[in-house]
Amino acid sequence: MNIQKNPRTLSLIAGVSYLIIFFSAIFANFVVLESILQDPVNTVLQNHFSVRVGILAFMLTVVFDVVVAWALYELFKEHFLSPLSILFRMMHAAIMGVAIFALPMTLSLKSSEEILKQVAVFNTIWLIGLFFFGIHLILLGTIIGKPKLISIFLVIAGIMYMTDTAAHFVLPNYDSYGSIFLALVAIPSILGEMSLSVWLIIKGVKK
């Protein structure tokens, strides 16, 4: 069977890969990275194995980001915006790969200041990547068209990703509004991207 000519198989690959990205990112961000931010030294020195697993989880998100990019391109390559959309997703994956380099260095550090500095480097580079990812989502929402609700949430999520990154660099008091921006990004992102992954698995592209 030629996978590239079977939209159902491509939809399953894209949907399952998207779910892997979700769960890997949730574990790496909200379990490992959050632990480092709360207690840098103890997390790195006492729970270094979890930090290593977290780094691996981030690496998996990059791997499956590329898989999703490939599958989406094959599904929608007849749309004239598809190549541009996938290029922006690949830019995000490449930048994320660079950002991950900052995290293994924390394993050899013994002061909170040095550890948090490396995490800050990771977050800054990642934020830049999310700006390009936002452009990808806007284009993807335009490309898929239907289901209409998913398409709308993808476009909104893309705009919010770009807005949040811009706010980080433009607003000197971003931390005062951080929780608001987090909600503005998280809600449409979960509704759009998670719904897209489930739709791809259950129904997906048929032709």
Protein backbone atom coordinates (compact mmCIF):
# COMPACT_ATOMS: atom_id res chain seq x y z
CA MET A 1 0.00 0.00 0.00
CA ASN A 2 1.28 3.45 -0.91
CA ILE A 3 0.87 5.55 2.25
CA GLN A 4 1.19 8.78 0.28
CA LYS A 5 -1.92 7.84 -1.72
CA ASN A 6 -3.99 6.76 1.30
CA PRO A 7 -5.50 9.83 3.02
CA ARG A 8 -6.98 7.74 5.85
CA THR A 9 -3.58 6.35 6.81
CA LEU A 10 -2.00 9.81 6.60
CA SER A 11 -4.79 11.20 8.79
CA LEU A 12 -4.14 8.52 11.41
CA ILE A 13 -0.39 9.20 11.36
CA ALA A 14 -0.95 12.94 11.75
CA GLY A 15 -3.56 12.53 14.49
CA VAL A 16 -1.62 10.01 16.59
CA SER A 17 1.61 12.01 16.19
CA TYR A 18 -0.21 15.13 17.33
CA LEU A 19 -1.40 13.34 20.48
CA ILE A 20 2.15 12.17 21.21
CA ILE A 21 3.30 15.78 20.89
CA PHE A 22 0.58 16.90 23.31
CA PHE A 23 1.33 14.40 26.05
CA SER A 24 5.12 14.69 25.68
CA ALA A 25 4.93 18.49 25.86
CA ILE A 26 2.58 18.42 28.86
CA PHE A 27 4.92 16.10 30.78
CA ALA A 28 8.08 18.01 29.82
CA ASN A 29 6.58 21.45 30.52
CA PHE A 30 4.23 21.05 33.44
CA VAL A 31 6.03 18.27 35.30
CA VAL A 32 9.76 18.54 34.60
CA LEU A 33 10.29 22.17 33.63
CA GLU A 34 7.91 23.41 36.31
CA SER A 35 9.80 21.35 38.92
CA ILE A 36 13.06 22.96 37.85
CA LEU A 37 11.55 26.44 38.11
CA GLN A 38 10.15 25.73 41.59
CA ASP A 39 13.26 24.06 43.03
CA PRO A 40 16.18 24.23 40.56
CA VAL A 41 19.01 22.65 42.56
CA ASN A 42 17.11 19.78 44.18
CA THR A 43 15.33 18.90 40.94
CA VAL A 44 18.57 18.77 38.93
CA LEU A 45 20.68 17.06 41.59
CA GLN A 46 18.16 14.76 43.26
CA ASN A 47 15.79 14.07 40.37
CA HIS A 48 18.21 14.27 37.47
CA PHE A 49 16.65 11.19 35.85
CA SER A 50 13.28 12.95 35.50
CA VAL A 51 15.09 15.94 33.97
CA ARG A 52 16.73 13.64 31.42
CA VAL A 53 13.36 12.05 30.61
CA GLY A 54 11.90 15.55 30.23
CA ILE A 55 14.63 16.47 27.75
CA LEU A 56 13.87 13.28 25.83
CA ALA A 57 10.17 14.21 25.84
CA PHE A 58 11.00 17.58 24.31
CA MET A 59 13.06 15.80 21.66
CA LEU A 60 10.09 13.56 20.87
CA THR A 61 7.92 16.62 20.27
CA VAL A 62 10.40 17.77 17.62
CA VAL A 63 10.52 14.35 15.96
CA PHE A 64 6.75 14.05 15.75
CA ASP A 65 6.40 17.69 14.75
CA VAL A 66 8.30 16.76 11.59
CA VAL A 67 6.08 13.68 11.13
CA VAL A 68 2.95 15.83 11.46
CA ALA A 69 4.37 18.36 9.00
CA TRP A 70 5.02 15.62 6.45
CA ALA A 71 1.58 14.01 6.88
CA LEU A 72 -0.26 17.33 6.67
CA TYR A 73 1.66 18.27 3.55
CA GLU A 74 0.75 14.99 1.87
CA LEU A 75 -2.90 15.43 2.86
CA PHE A 76 -3.27 19.02 1.66
CA LYS A 77 -0.49 19.45 -0.90
CA GLU A 78 -2.94 20.43 -3.61
CA HIS A 79 -3.71 23.65 -1.70
CA PHE A 80 -1.40 26.47 -2.78
CA LEU A 81 -0.74 27.55 0.83
CA SER A 82 0.29 24.08 2.01
CA PRO A 83 4.04 24.32 1.22
CA LEU A 84 4.25 27.69 3.00
CA SER A 85 2.36 26.37 6.01
CA ILE A 86 4.64 23.35 6.36
CA LEU A 87 7.77 25.48 6.00
CA PHE A 88 6.70 27.57 9.00
CA ARG A 89 6.03 24.39 11.02
CA MET A 90 9.46 23.05 10.08
CA MET A 91 11.01 26.37 11.16
CA HIS A 92 9.32 25.92 14.53
CA ALA A 93 10.65 22.36 14.83
CA ALA A 94 14.18 23.46 13.94
CA ILE A 95 14.14 26.33 16.44
CA MET A 96 12.74 24.02 19.12
CA GLY A 97 15.60 21.61 18.43
CA VAL A 98 18.08 24.43 19.02
CA ALA A 99 16.30 25.47 22.22
CA ILE A 100 16.63 21.97 23.70
CA PHE A 101 20.43 22.34 23.65
CA ALA A 102 20.15 24.63 26.69
CA LEU A 103 18.56 21.99 28.93
CA PRO A 104 21.22 19.23 29.14
CA MET A 105 23.65 21.87 30.40
CA THR A 106 21.58 22.24 33.57
CA LEU A 107 22.64 18.73 34.61
CA SER A 108 26.20 19.89 35.28
CA LEU A 109 25.24 23.08 37.16
CA LYS A 110 24.98 23.43 40.92
CA SER A 111 23.49 26.87 41.54
CA SER A 112 19.90 28.01 41.12
CA GLU A 113 20.96 31.13 39.23
CA GLU A 114 22.91 29.19 36.60
CA ILE A 115 20.18 26.57 36.17
CA LEU A 116 17.41 29.15 35.80
CA LYS A 117 19.54 31.05 33.29
CA GLN A 118 19.68 27.98 31.05
CA VAL A 119 15.94 27.45 31.38
CA ALA A 120 15.43 31.12 30.44
CA VAL A 121 17.55 30.59 27.31
CA PHE A 122 15.42 27.58 26.40
CA ASN A 123 12.17 29.51 26.93
CA THR A 124 13.34 32.52 24.92
CA ILE A 125 14.36 30.47 21.90
CA TRP A 126 11.19 28.40 22.14
CA LEU A 127 9.07 31.56 22.22
CA ILE A 128 10.63 32.67 18.95
CA GLY A 129 9.76 29.29 17.45
CA LEU A 130 6.15 29.59 18.64
CA PHE A 131 5.78 32.82 16.67
CA PHE A 132 6.43 30.89 13.46
CA PHE A 133 4.23 28.04 14.70
CA GLY A 134 1.43 30.58 15.06
CA ILE A 135 1.77 31.50 11.40
CA HIS A 136 1.58 27.80 10.54
CA LEU A 137 -1.69 27.41 12.47
CA ILE A 138 -3.25 30.42 10.77
CA LEU A 139 -2.37 28.97 7.38
CA LEU A 140 -3.45 25.45 8.40
CA GLY A 141 -6.84 26.71 9.57
CA THR A 142 -7.25 28.43 6.22
CA ILE A 143 -6.19 25.30 4.32
CA ILE A 144 -8.39 22.69 6.00
CA GLY A 145 -11.54 24.84 5.85
CA LYS A 146 -13.73 22.12 7.38
CA PRO A 147 -14.70 21.29 10.07
CA LYS A 148 -15.32 25.04 10.26
CA LEU A 149 -15.16 25.29 14.06
CA ILE A 150 -11.76 23.56 14.20
CA SER A 151 -10.51 25.80 11.42
CA ILE A 152 -11.59 28.92 13.32
CA PHE A 153 -9.95 27.80 16.57
CA LEU A 154 -6.70 27.00 14.73
CA VAL A 155 -6.60 30.51 13.27
CA ILE A 156 -7.37 32.08 16.67
CA ALA A 157 -4.71 29.90 18.35
CA GLY A 158 -2.17 30.97 15.74
CA ILE A 159 -2.92 34.63 16.34
CA MET A 160 -2.63 34.13 20.11
CA TYR A 161 0.74 32.34 19.79
CA MET A 162 2.10 35.26 17.78
CA THR A 163 0.58 37.82 20.15
CA ASP A 164 2.01 36.10 23.24
CA THR A 165 5.52 35.96 21.78
CA ALA A 166 5.33 39.61 20.73
CA ALA A 167 4.06 40.57 24.19
CA HIS A 168 7.01 38.81 25.87
CA PHE A 169 9.44 40.99 23.97
CA VAL A 170 7.43 44.24 23.83
CA LEU A 171 5.87 44.50 27.30
CA PRO A 172 8.39 45.20 30.08
CA ASN A 173 5.76 44.13 32.65
CA TYR A 174 4.65 40.98 30.82
CA ASP A 175 4.69 38.96 34.06
CA SER A 176 1.80 41.07 35.36
CA TYR A 177 -0.36 39.76 32.53
CA GLY A 178 1.27 36.34 32.12
CA SER A 179 -1.70 34.31 33.36
CA ILE A 180 -4.05 36.17 31.00
CA PHE A 181 -1.82 35.52 27.99
CA LEU A 182 -1.45 31.88 29.01
CA ALA A 183 -5.24 31.45 28.98
CA LEU A 184 -5.57 33.28 25.66
CA VAL A 185 -3.08 30.86 24.12
CA ALA A 186 -4.09 27.65 25.89
CA ILE A 187 -7.86 27.72 25.34
CA PRO A 188 -7.98 28.11 21.53
CA SER A 189 -4.88 25.91 21.18
CA ILE A 190 -6.45 23.01 23.08
CA LEU A 191 -9.81 23.44 21.37
CA GLY A 192 -8.23 23.75 17.93
CA GLU A 193 -5.20 21.44 17.94
CA MET A 194 -6.62 18.74 20.20
CA SER A 195 -9.87 18.72 18.24
CA LEU A 196 -7.89 18.50 15.01
CA SER A 197 -5.91 15.50 16.25
CA VAL A 198 -9.07 13.69 17.40
CA TRP A 199 -10.85 14.52 14.13
CA LEU A 200 -7.91 13.22 12.11
CA ILE A 201 -7.98 9.93 14.04
CA ILE A 202 -11.75 9.36 14.06
CA LYS A 203 -12.80 10.81 10.74
CA GLY A 204 -9.91 12.49 8.97
CA VAL A 205 -9.38 13.28 5.32
CA LYS A 206 -11.02 10.79 2.96
CA LYS A 207 -10.05 12.20 -0.39
